[in-house]
Amino acid sequence: MAELLGISLGKTNFIVQAVLKRGWLKVENFKRSTNKWGYIYILTSQGISERLRLTHTFIQRKEEEYELLRREIDQLKQEISHASS
């Protein structure tokens, strides 16, 4: 998935975990479910467009959050390196 999206594996994992916490993605064994109709969502084309827009905005926010955290970690590493030298 990371390769397909053209983003790092770490960023992909960060975003997938956020989507899981939101409940937008379920990681369960669909085949064992006795109520498969419970997983079906019927959206109008307008509903699909809105869901895509919301998802895109959410993923963008999570990518920005990931980059901010990565920069903060890099900065802390530099501070530790300078303090120990």
PDB file of N, CA and C in Angstrom:
ATOM      1  N   MET A   1       0.824  -1.178   0.000  1.00  0.00           N
ATOM      2  CA  MET A   1       0.000   0.000   0.000  1.00  0.00           C
ATOM      3  C   MET A   1       0.878   1.254   0.000  1.00  0.00           C
ATOM      4  N   ALA A   2       1.934   1.246   0.809  1.00  0.00           N
ATOM      5  CA  ALA A   2       2.839   2.398   0.864  1.00  0.00           C
ATOM      6  C   ALA A   2       3.433   2.678  -0.508  1.00  0.00           C
ATOM      7  N   GLU A   3       3.868   1.635  -1.165  1.00  0.00           N
ATOM      8  CA  GLU A   3       4.470   1.790  -2.498  1.00  0.00           C
ATOM      9  C   GLU A   3       3.443   2.336  -3.493  1.00  0.00           C
ATOM     10  N   LEU A   4       2.242   1.802  -3.432  1.00  0.00           N
ATOM     11  CA  LEU A   4       1.181   2.251  -4.334  1.00  0.00           C
ATOM     12  C   LEU A   4       0.848   3.727  -4.108  1.00  0.00           C
ATOM     13  N   LEU A   5       0.851   4.163  -2.848  1.00  0.00           N
ATOM     14  CA  LEU A   5       0.535   5.552  -2.521  1.00  0.00           C
ATOM     15  C   LEU A   5       1.738   6.484  -2.695  1.00  0.00           C
ATOM     16  N   GLY A   6       2.918   5.891  -2.764  1.00  0.00           N
ATOM     17  CA  GLY A   6       4.127   6.699  -2.910  1.00  0.00           C
ATOM     18  C   GLY A   6       4.538   7.401  -1.632  1.00  0.00           C
ATOM     19  N   ILE A   7       4.233   6.780  -0.482  1.00  0.00           N
ATOM     20  CA  ILE A   7       4.627   7.347   0.806  1.00  0.00           C
ATOM     21  C   ILE A   7       5.355   6.282   1.613  1.00  0.00           C
ATOM     22  N   SER A   8       6.018   6.714   2.677  1.00  0.00           N
ATOM     23  CA  SER A   8       6.818   5.774   3.466  1.00  0.00           C
ATOM     24  C   SER A   8       5.933   4.762   4.192  1.00  0.00           C
ATOM     25  N   LEU A   9       6.535   3.644   4.549  1.00  0.00           N
ATOM     26  CA  LEU A   9       5.824   2.601   5.283  1.00  0.00           C
ATOM     27  C   LEU A   9       5.383   3.131   6.647  1.00  0.00           C
ATOM     28  N   GLY A  10       6.247   3.915   7.298  1.00  0.00           N
ATOM     29  CA  GLY A  10       5.902   4.485   8.601  1.00  0.00           C
ATOM     30  C   GLY A  10       4.695   5.405   8.509  1.00  0.00           C
ATOM     31  N   LYS A  11       4.675   6.262   7.491  1.00  0.00           N
ATOM     32  CA  LYS A  11       3.553   7.185   7.313  1.00  0.00           C
ATOM     33  C   LYS A  11       2.285   6.397   6.987  1.00  0.00           C
ATOM     34  N   THR A  12       2.414   5.358   6.164  1.00  0.00           N
ATOM     35  CA  THR A  12       1.257   4.522   5.828  1.00  0.00           C
ATOM     36  C   THR A  12       0.691   3.884   7.082  1.00  0.00           C
ATOM     37  N   ASN A  13       1.557   3.329   7.915  1.00  0.00           N
ATOM     38  CA  ASN A  13       1.110   2.694   9.156  1.00  0.00           C
ATOM     39  C   ASN A  13       0.429   3.711  10.061  1.00  0.00           C
ATOM     40  N   PHE A  14       1.005   4.903  10.174  1.00  0.00           N
ATOM     41  CA  PHE A  14       0.443   5.960  11.012  1.00  0.00           C
ATOM     42  C   PHE A  14      -0.971   6.304  10.558  1.00  0.00           C
ATOM     43  N   ILE A  15      -1.158   6.447   9.250  1.00  0.00           N
ATOM     44  CA  ILE A  15      -2.468   6.807   8.700  1.00  0.00           C
ATOM     45  C   ILE A  15      -3.458   5.655   8.858  1.00  0.00           C
ATOM     46  N   VAL A  16      -3.019   4.432   8.580  1.00  0.00           N
ATOM     47  CA  VAL A  16      -3.917   3.276   8.713  1.00  0.00           C
ATOM     48  C   VAL A  16      -4.384   3.141  10.159  1.00  0.00           C
ATOM     49  N   GLN A  17      -3.476   3.323  11.119  1.00  0.00           N
ATOM     50  CA  GLN A  17      -3.858   3.237  12.527  1.00  0.00           C
ATOM     51  C   GLN A  17      -4.889   4.307  12.872  1.00  0.00           C
ATOM     52  N   ALA A  18      -4.718   5.521  12.341  1.00  0.00           N
ATOM     53  CA  ALA A  18      -5.674   6.600  12.591  1.00  0.00           C
ATOM     54  C   ALA A  18      -7.038   6.272  11.990  1.00  0.00           C
ATOM     55  N   VAL A  19      -7.044   5.709  10.788  1.00  0.00           N
ATOM     56  CA  VAL A  19      -8.296   5.331  10.128  1.00  0.00           C
ATOM     57  C   VAL A  19      -8.982   4.217  10.908  1.00  0.00           C
ATOM     58  N   LEU A  20      -8.206   3.266  11.426  1.00  0.00           N
ATOM     59  CA  LEU A  20      -8.772   2.201  12.253  1.00  0.00           C
ATOM     60  C   LEU A  20      -9.418   2.775  13.515  1.00  0.00           C
ATOM     61  N   LYS A  21      -8.726   3.705  14.163  1.00  0.00           N
ATOM     62  CA  LYS A  21      -9.271   4.313  15.387  1.00  0.00           C
ATOM     63  C   LYS A  21     -10.569   5.060  15.099  1.00  0.00           C
ATOM     64  N   ARG A  22     -10.684   5.654  13.916  1.00  0.00           N
ATOM     65  CA  ARG A  22     -11.903   6.363  13.525  1.00  0.00           C
ATOM     66  C   ARG A  22     -13.056   5.405  13.239  1.00  0.00           C
ATOM     67  N   GLY A  23     -12.726   4.133  13.019  1.00  0.00           N
ATOM     68  CA  GLY A  23     -13.750   3.160  12.682  1.00  0.00           C
ATOM     69  C   GLY A  23     -14.078   3.131  11.207  1.00  0.00           C
ATOM     70  N   TRP A  24     -13.243   3.776  10.378  1.00  0.00           N
ATOM     71  CA  TRP A  24     -13.479   3.810   8.940  1.00  0.00           C
ATOM     72  C   TRP A  24     -12.960   2.561   8.259  1.00  0.00           C
ATOM     73  N   LEU A  25     -12.208   1.782   8.967  1.00  0.00           N
ATOM     74  CA  LEU A  25     -11.629   0.559   8.425  1.00  0.00           C
ATOM     75  C   LEU A  25     -11.721  -0.494   9.508  1.00  0.00           C
ATOM     76  N   LYS A  26     -12.139  -1.674   9.123  1.00  0.00           N
ATOM     77  CA  LYS A  26     -12.234  -2.765  10.084  1.00  0.00           C
ATOM     78  C   LYS A  26     -11.274  -3.865   9.674  1.00  0.00           C
ATOM     79  N   VAL A  27     -10.580  -4.377  10.645  1.00  0.00           N
ATOM     80  CA  VAL A  27      -9.674  -5.475  10.380  1.00  0.00           C
ATOM     81  C   VAL A  27     -10.238  -6.688  11.112  1.00  0.00           C
ATOM     82  N   GLU A  28     -11.143  -7.318  10.472  1.00  0.00           N
ATOM     83  CA  GLU A  28     -11.777  -8.511  11.005  1.00  0.00           C
ATOM     84  C   GLU A  28     -11.931  -9.504   9.867  1.00  0.00           C
ATOM     85  N   ASN A  29     -12.173 -10.723  10.225  1.00  0.00           N
ATOM     86  CA  ASN A  29     -12.338 -11.746   9.207  1.00  0.00           C
ATOM     87  C   ASN A  29     -13.771 -11.724   8.678  1.00  0.00           C
ATOM     88  N   PHE A  30     -13.946 -11.097   7.528  1.00  0.00           N
ATOM     89  CA  PHE A  30     -15.267 -10.964   6.908  1.00  0.00           C
ATOM     90  C   PHE A  30     -15.864 -12.332   6.590  1.00  0.00           C
ATOM     91  N   LYS A  31     -15.040 -13.276   6.176  1.00  0.00           N
ATOM     92  CA  LYS A  31     -15.543 -14.586   5.757  1.00  0.00           C
ATOM     93  C   LYS A  31     -16.217 -15.333   6.902  1.00  0.00           C
ATOM     94  N   ARG A  32     -15.764 -15.105   8.140  1.00  0.00           N
ATOM     95  CA  ARG A  32     -16.351 -15.829   9.277  1.00  0.00           C
ATOM     96  C   ARG A  32     -17.637 -15.182   9.775  1.00  0.00           C
ATOM     97  N   SER A  33     -17.928 -13.971   9.319  1.00  0.00           N
ATOM     98  CA  SER A  33     -19.112 -13.255   9.785  1.00  0.00           C
ATOM     99  C   SER A  33     -20.380 -13.950   9.308  1.00  0.00           C
ATOM    100  N   THR A  34     -21.327 -14.087  10.209  1.00  0.00           N
ATOM    101  CA  THR A  34     -22.612 -14.686   9.829  1.00  0.00           C
ATOM    102  C   THR A  34     -23.566 -13.631   9.293  1.00  0.00           C
ATOM    103  N   ASN A  35     -23.270 -12.351   9.552  1.00  0.00           N
ATOM    104  CA  ASN A  35     -24.135 -11.261   9.105  1.00  0.00           C
ATOM    105  C   ASN A  35     -23.381 -10.357   8.133  1.00  0.00           C
ATOM    106  N   LYS A  36     -23.172 -10.838   6.923  1.00  0.00           N
ATOM    107  CA  LYS A  36     -22.429 -10.068   5.930  1.00  0.00           C
ATOM    108  C   LYS A  36     -23.177  -8.802   5.509  1.00  0.00           C
ATOM    109  N   TRP A  37     -24.492  -8.786   5.611  1.00  0.00           N
ATOM    110  CA  TRP A  37     -25.260  -7.599   5.255  1.00  0.00           C
ATOM    111  C   TRP A  37     -24.937  -6.436   6.191  1.00  0.00           C
ATOM    112  N   GLY A  38     -24.455  -6.744   7.381  1.00  0.00           N
ATOM    113  CA  GLY A  38     -24.081  -5.707   8.330  1.00  0.00           C
ATOM    114  C   GLY A  38     -22.889  -4.890   7.875  1.00  0.00           C
ATOM    115  N   TYR A  39     -22.175  -5.361   6.873  1.00  0.00           N
ATOM    116  CA  TYR A  39     -20.995  -4.673   6.363  1.00  0.00           C
ATOM    117  C   TYR A  39     -21.276  -3.868   5.096  1.00  0.00           C
ATOM    118  N   ILE A  40     -22.476  -3.956   4.584  1.00  0.00           N
ATOM    119  CA  ILE A  40     -22.777  -3.309   3.317  1.00  0.00           C
ATOM    120  C   ILE A  40     -23.314  -1.900   3.564  1.00  0.00           C
ATOM    121  N   TYR A  41     -22.723  -0.946   2.877  1.00  0.00           N
ATOM    122  CA  TYR A  41     -23.171   0.440   2.944  1.00  0.00           C
ATOM    123  C   TYR A  41     -23.531   0.865   1.533  1.00  0.00           C
ATOM    124  N   ILE A  42     -24.687   1.440   1.392  1.00  0.00           N
ATOM    125  CA  ILE A  42     -25.117   1.912   0.082  1.00  0.00           C
ATOM    126  C   ILE A  42     -25.082   3.436   0.125  1.00  0.00           C
ATOM    127  N   LEU A  43     -24.258   4.019  -0.731  1.00  0.00           N
ATOM    128  CA  LEU A  43     -24.127   5.461  -0.797  1.00  0.00           C
ATOM    129  C   LEU A  43     -24.560   5.965  -2.163  1.00  0.00           C
ATOM    130  N   THR A  44     -25.140   7.142  -2.171  1.00  0.00           N
ATOM    131  CA  THR A  44     -25.438   7.788  -3.447  1.00  0.00           C
ATOM    132  C   THR A  44     -24.116   8.285  -4.017  1.00  0.00           C
ATOM    133  N   SER A  45     -24.111   8.695  -5.272  1.00  0.00           N
ATOM    134  CA  SER A  45     -22.881   9.222  -5.862  1.00  0.00           C
ATOM    135  C   SER A  45     -22.439  10.476  -5.114  1.00  0.00           C
ATOM    136  N   GLN A  46     -23.403  11.278  -4.654  1.00  0.00           N
ATOM    137  CA  GLN A  46     -23.064  12.467  -3.858  1.00  0.00           C
ATOM    138  C   GLN A  46     -22.460  12.041  -2.517  1.00  0.00           C
ATOM    139  N   GLY A  47     -22.998  10.990  -1.914  1.00  0.00           N
ATOM    140  CA  GLY A  47     -22.467  10.477  -0.647  1.00  0.00           C
ATOM    141  C   GLY A  47     -21.053   9.940  -0.807  1.00  0.00           C
ATOM    142  N   ILE A  48     -20.804   9.266  -1.920  1.00  0.00           N
ATOM    143  CA  ILE A  48     -19.462   8.747  -2.187  1.00  0.00           C
ATOM    144  C   ILE A  48     -18.482   9.901  -2.368  1.00  0.00           C
ATOM    145  N   SER A  49     -18.889  10.919  -3.103  1.00  0.00           N
ATOM    146  CA  SER A  49     -18.029  12.086  -3.307  1.00  0.00           C
ATOM    147  C   SER A  49     -17.695  12.757  -1.983  1.00  0.00           C
ATOM    148  N   GLU A  50     -18.693  12.907  -1.124  1.00  0.00           N
ATOM    149  CA  GLU A  50     -18.467  13.542   0.175  1.00  0.00           C
ATOM    150  C   GLU A  50     -17.549  12.696   1.048  1.00  0.00           C
ATOM    151  N   ARG A  51     -17.742  11.390   1.040  1.00  0.00           N
ATOM    152  CA  ARG A  51     -16.891  10.489   1.834  1.00  0.00           C
ATOM    153  C   ARG A  51     -15.456  10.561   1.333  1.00  0.00           C
ATOM    154  N   LEU A  52     -15.272  10.603   0.021  1.00  0.00           N
ATOM    155  CA  LEU A  52     -13.929  10.729  -0.538  1.00  0.00           C
ATOM    156  C   LEU A  52     -13.277  12.046  -0.130  1.00  0.00           C
ATOM    157  N   ARG A  53     -14.044  13.129  -0.168  1.00  0.00           N
ATOM    158  CA  ARG A  53     -13.515  14.439   0.227  1.00  0.00           C
ATOM    159  C   ARG A  53     -13.104  14.434   1.694  1.00  0.00           C
ATOM    160  N   LEU A  54     -13.970  13.907   2.554  1.00  0.00           N
ATOM    161  CA  LEU A  54     -13.659  13.842   3.979  1.00  0.00           C
ATOM    162  C   LEU A  54     -12.440  12.957   4.249  1.00  0.00           C
ATOM    163  N   THR A  55     -12.371  11.841   3.562  1.00  0.00           N
ATOM    164  CA  THR A  55     -11.245  10.931   3.741  1.00  0.00           C
ATOM    165  C   THR A  55      -9.950  11.583   3.275  1.00  0.00           C
ATOM    166  N   HIS A  56      -9.992  12.267   2.141  1.00  0.00           N
ATOM    167  CA  HIS A  56      -8.801  12.954   1.624  1.00  0.00           C
ATOM    168  C   HIS A  56      -8.323  14.002   2.627  1.00  0.00           C
ATOM    169  N   THR A  57      -9.239  14.789   3.152  1.00  0.00           N
ATOM    170  CA  THR A  57      -8.892  15.821   4.135  1.00  0.00           C
ATOM    171  C   THR A  57      -8.303  15.188   5.395  1.00  0.00           C
ATOM    172  N   PHE A  58      -8.902  14.110   5.854  1.00  0.00           N
ATOM    173  CA  PHE A  58      -8.417  13.407   7.046  1.00  0.00           C
ATOM    174  C   PHE A  58      -7.003  12.884   6.823  1.00  0.00           C
ATOM    175  N   ILE A  59      -6.771  12.245   5.684  1.00  0.00           N
ATOM    176  CA  ILE A  59      -5.448  11.691   5.385  1.00  0.00           C
ATOM    177  C   ILE A  59      -4.414  12.809   5.270  1.00  0.00           C
ATOM    178  N   GLN A  60      -4.790  13.913   4.671  1.00  0.00           N
ATOM    179  CA  GLN A  60      -3.871  15.056   4.585  1.00  0.00           C
ATOM    180  C   GLN A  60      -3.474  15.533   5.969  1.00  0.00           C
ATOM    181  N   ARG A  61      -4.453  15.664   6.869  1.00  0.00           N
ATOM    182  CA  ARG A  61      -4.173  16.092   8.238  1.00  0.00           C
ATOM    183  C   ARG A  61      -3.236  15.118   8.936  1.00  0.00           C
ATOM    184  N   LYS A  62      -3.465  13.829   8.752  1.00  0.00           N
ATOM    185  CA  LYS A  62      -2.629  12.818   9.395  1.00  0.00           C
ATOM    186  C   LYS A  62      -1.221  12.827   8.815  1.00  0.00           C
ATOM    187  N   GLU A  63      -1.065  13.067   7.507  1.00  0.00           N
ATOM    188  CA  GLU A  63       0.268  13.174   6.912  1.00  0.00           C
ATOM    189  C   GLU A  63       1.019  14.363   7.506  1.00  0.00           C
ATOM    190  N   GLU A  64       0.316  15.486   7.660  1.00  0.00           N
ATOM    191  CA  GLU A  64       0.946  16.669   8.257  1.00  0.00           C
ATOM    192  C   GLU A  64       1.347  16.394   9.706  1.00  0.00           C
ATOM    193  N   GLU A  65       0.476  15.713  10.446  1.00  0.00           N
ATOM    194  CA  GLU A  65       0.774  15.363  11.832  1.00  0.00           C
ATOM    195  C   GLU A  65       1.995  14.453  11.905  1.00  0.00           C
ATOM    196  N   TYR A  66       2.062  13.487  11.004  1.00  0.00           N
ATOM    197  CA  TYR A  66       3.196  12.562  10.959  1.00  0.00           C
ATOM    198  C   TYR A  66       4.491  13.325  10.696  1.00  0.00           C
ATOM    199  N   GLU A  67       4.473  14.222   9.713  1.00  0.00           N
ATOM    200  CA  GLU A  67       5.671  14.994   9.371  1.00  0.00           C
ATOM    201  C   GLU A  67       6.106  15.879  10.534  1.00  0.00           C
ATOM    202  N   LEU A  68       5.153  16.483  11.230  1.00  0.00           N
ATOM    203  CA  LEU A  68       5.461  17.314  12.383  1.00  0.00           C
ATOM    204  C   LEU A  68       6.132  16.482  13.479  1.00  0.00           C
ATOM    205  N   LEU A  69       5.582  15.308  13.740  1.00  0.00           N
ATOM    206  CA  LEU A  69       6.178  14.417  14.744  1.00  0.00           C
ATOM    207  C   LEU A  69       7.573  13.964  14.322  1.00  0.00           C
ATOM    208  N   ARG A  70       7.740  13.651  13.054  1.00  0.00           N
ATOM    209  CA  ARG A  70       9.047  13.211  12.553  1.00  0.00           C
ATOM    210  C   ARG A  70      10.086  14.323  12.721  1.00  0.00           C
ATOM    211  N   ARG A  71       9.712  15.545  12.389  1.00  0.00           N
ATOM    212  CA  ARG A  71      10.644  16.682  12.552  1.00  0.00           C
ATOM    213  C   ARG A  71      10.978  16.911  14.019  1.00  0.00           C
ATOM    214  N   GLU A  72       9.982  16.774  14.886  1.00  0.00           N
ATOM    215  CA  GLU A  72      10.210  16.960  16.316  1.00  0.00           C
ATOM    216  C   GLU A  72      11.169  15.892  16.850  1.00  0.00           C
ATOM    217  N   ILE A  73      11.008  14.674  16.405  1.00  0.00           N
ATOM    218  CA  ILE A  73      11.907  13.591  16.820  1.00  0.00           C
ATOM    219  C   ILE A  73      13.317  13.862  16.324  1.00  0.00           C
ATOM    220  N   ASP A  74      13.455  14.287  15.064  1.00  0.00           N
ATOM    221  CA  ASP A  74      14.774  14.620  14.515  1.00  0.00           C
ATOM    222  C   ASP A  74      15.430  15.737  15.318  1.00  0.00           C
ATOM    223  N   GLN A  75      14.655  16.755  15.680  1.00  0.00           N
ATOM    224  CA  GLN A  75      15.189  17.868  16.451  1.00  0.00           C
ATOM    225  C   GLN A  75      15.653  17.400  17.836  1.00  0.00           C
ATOM    226  N   LEU A  76      14.862  16.564  18.475  1.00  0.00           N
ATOM    227  CA  LEU A  76      15.244  16.040  19.786  1.00  0.00           C
ATOM    228  C   LEU A  76      16.515  15.196  19.702  1.00  0.00           C
ATOM    229  N   LYS A  77      16.635  14.409  18.636  1.00  0.00           N
ATOM    230  CA  LYS A  77      17.843  13.615  18.437  1.00  0.00           C
ATOM    231  C   LYS A  77      19.061  14.511  18.300  1.00  0.00           C
ATOM    232  N   GLN A  78      18.926  15.623  17.551  1.00  0.00           N
ATOM    233  CA  GLN A  78      20.021  16.570  17.379  1.00  0.00           C
ATOM    234  C   GLN A  78      20.399  17.212  18.707  1.00  0.00           C
ATOM    235  N   GLU A  79      19.396  17.579  19.504  1.00  0.00           N
ATOM    236  CA  GLU A  79      19.649  18.178  20.813  1.00  0.00           C
ATOM    237  C   GLU A  79      20.408  17.217  21.722  1.00  0.00           C
ATOM    238  N   ILE A  80      20.023  15.944  21.691  1.00  0.00           N
ATOM    239  CA  ILE A  80      20.705  14.935  22.497  1.00  0.00           C
ATOM    240  C   ILE A  80      22.141  14.760  22.021  1.00  0.00           C
ATOM    241  N   SER A  81      22.311  14.737  20.718  1.00  0.00           N
ATOM    242  CA  SER A  81      23.652  14.584  20.142  1.00  0.00           C
ATOM    243  C   SER A  81      24.552  15.743  20.534  1.00  0.00           C
ATOM    244  N   HIS A  82      24.058  16.958  20.474  1.00  0.00           N
ATOM    245  CA  HIS A  82      24.834  18.155  20.841  1.00  0.00           C
ATOM    246  C   HIS A  82      25.123  18.181  22.332  1.00  0.00           C
ATOM    247  N   ALA A  83      24.179  17.736  23.141  1.00  0.00           N
ATOM    248  CA  ALA A  83      24.360  17.753  24.593  1.00  0.00           C
ATOM    249  C   ALA A  83      25.396  16.731  25.042  1.00  0.00           C
ATOM    250  N   SER A  84      25.486  15.620  24.307  1.00  0.00           N
ATOM    251  CA  SER A  84      26.430  14.563  24.714  1.00  0.00           C
ATOM    252  C   SER A  84      27.832  14.776  24.133  1.00  0.00           C
ATOM    253  N   SER A  85      27.992  15.751  23.256  1.00  0.00           N
ATOM    254  CA  SER A  85      29.328  15.970  22.664  1.00  0.00           C
ATOM    255  C   SER A  85      30.070  17.084  23.346  1.00  0.00           C
TER     256      SER A  85
END
